């Protein structure tokens, strides 16, 4: 199994990473940062599959408070306050 360095994840965000979520099957990892971006990774390769700008998707003044992946890693949920 390949071990990824934290710097690899951090480089995709322009600030602190708030939350990480791993799919139940271990195939996907999502990182959520204060930059209001969600980055979805293919595991264990560490390849970026998709970057989502939550700031562009949200309504009102809600702030992202986390991230969760579905068990198969194909859907992302982003709660706000």
Protein backbone atom coordinates (compact mmCIF):
# COMPACT_ATOMS: atom_id res chain seq x y z
CA UNK A 1 0.00 0.00 0.00
CA UNK A 2 1.29 3.44 -0.91
CA UNK A 3 1.48 6.04 1.84
CA UNK A 4 0.74 9.60 0.76
CA UNK A 5 2.44 12.54 2.37
CA UNK A 6 0.25 15.22 3.94
CA UNK A 7 1.94 17.86 1.79
CA UNK A 8 0.38 16.25 -1.30
CA UNK A 9 -3.10 16.98 0.07
CA UNK A 10 -2.27 20.38 1.50
CA UNK A 11 -0.92 21.61 -1.85
CA UNK A 12 -4.42 21.34 -3.35
CA UNK A 13 -5.86 23.82 -0.82
CA UNK A 14 -4.98 27.46 -0.21
CA UNK A 15 -5.36 27.22 3.54
CA UNK A 16 -6.04 24.84 6.40
CA UNK A 17 -7.72 21.48 5.72
CA UNK A 18 -10.77 21.24 7.98
CA UNK A 19 -12.04 17.71 7.39
CA UNK A 20 -11.15 14.46 5.64
CA UNK A 21 -13.60 11.73 4.67
CA UNK A 22 -12.73 8.26 3.38
CA UNK A 23 -15.32 6.18 1.52
CA UNK A 24 -16.26 2.87 3.14
CA UNK A 25 -14.59 0.90 0.36
CA UNK A 26 -11.40 2.97 0.66
CA UNK A 27 -11.47 4.01 -3.00
CA UNK A 28 -11.99 7.74 -2.45
CA UNK A 29 -10.84 10.42 -0.04
CA UNK A 30 -12.33 13.91 0.19
CA UNK A 31 -10.62 16.89 1.80
CA UNK A 32 -12.44 20.09 2.77
CA UNK A 33 -10.56 23.31 3.41
CA UNK A 34 -11.09 26.84 4.69
CA UNK A 35 -10.65 27.89 1.06
CA UNK A 36 -14.18 26.46 0.55
CA UNK A 37 -12.92 23.77 -1.81
CA UNK A 38 -13.61 20.04 -1.72
CA UNK A 39 -10.96 17.88 -3.35
CA UNK A 40 -11.86 14.27 -4.17
CA UNK A 41 -8.95 11.84 -4.50
CA UNK A 42 -8.66 8.36 -6.02
CA UNK A 43 -7.03 6.07 -3.50
CA UNK A 44 -4.46 4.64 -3.08
CA UNK A 45 -2.98 6.40 -6.14
CA UNK A 46 -3.53 9.88 -4.69
CA UNK A 47 -4.84 11.22 -8.00
CA UNK A 48 -7.19 14.22 -7.89
CA UNK A 49 -10.52 13.21 -9.44
CA UNK A 50 -12.43 16.44 -8.91
CA UNK A 51 -12.18 19.82 -7.22
CA UNK A 52 -15.44 21.47 -6.17
CA UNK A 53 -15.69 25.13 -5.21
CA UNK A 54 -18.30 25.20 -2.45
CA UNK A 55 -18.36 29.02 -2.51
CA UNK A 56 -19.81 28.86 -6.03
CA UNK A 57 -22.40 26.23 -5.06
CA UNK A 58 -23.74 27.64 -1.80
CA UNK A 59 -26.65 29.94 -1.16
CA UNK A 60 -26.76 32.79 1.33
CA UNK A 61 -24.07 33.04 3.97
CA UNK A 62 -23.81 29.40 4.98
CA UNK A 63 -20.31 28.21 5.83
CA UNK A 64 -19.00 24.73 5.03
CA UNK A 65 -18.55 22.72 8.22
CA UNK A 66 -17.45 19.32 6.92
CA UNK A 67 -17.49 16.76 4.16
CA UNK A 68 -18.80 13.20 3.84
CA UNK A 69 -18.53 10.60 1.09
CA UNK A 70 -21.13 7.99 0.26
CA UNK A 71 -20.04 4.38 0.96
CA UNK A 72 -19.11 3.85 -2.71
CA UNK A 73 -17.32 7.23 -2.93
CA UNK A 74 -19.44 8.48 -5.82
CA UNK A 75 -21.39 11.20 -3.95
CA UNK A 76 -20.22 14.03 -1.71
CA UNK A 77 -22.28 15.72 1.02
CA UNK A 78 -21.25 19.13 2.37
CA UNK A 79 -23.00 20.33 5.54
CA UNK A 80 -23.17 24.02 6.39
CA UNK A 81 -24.17 26.11 9.34
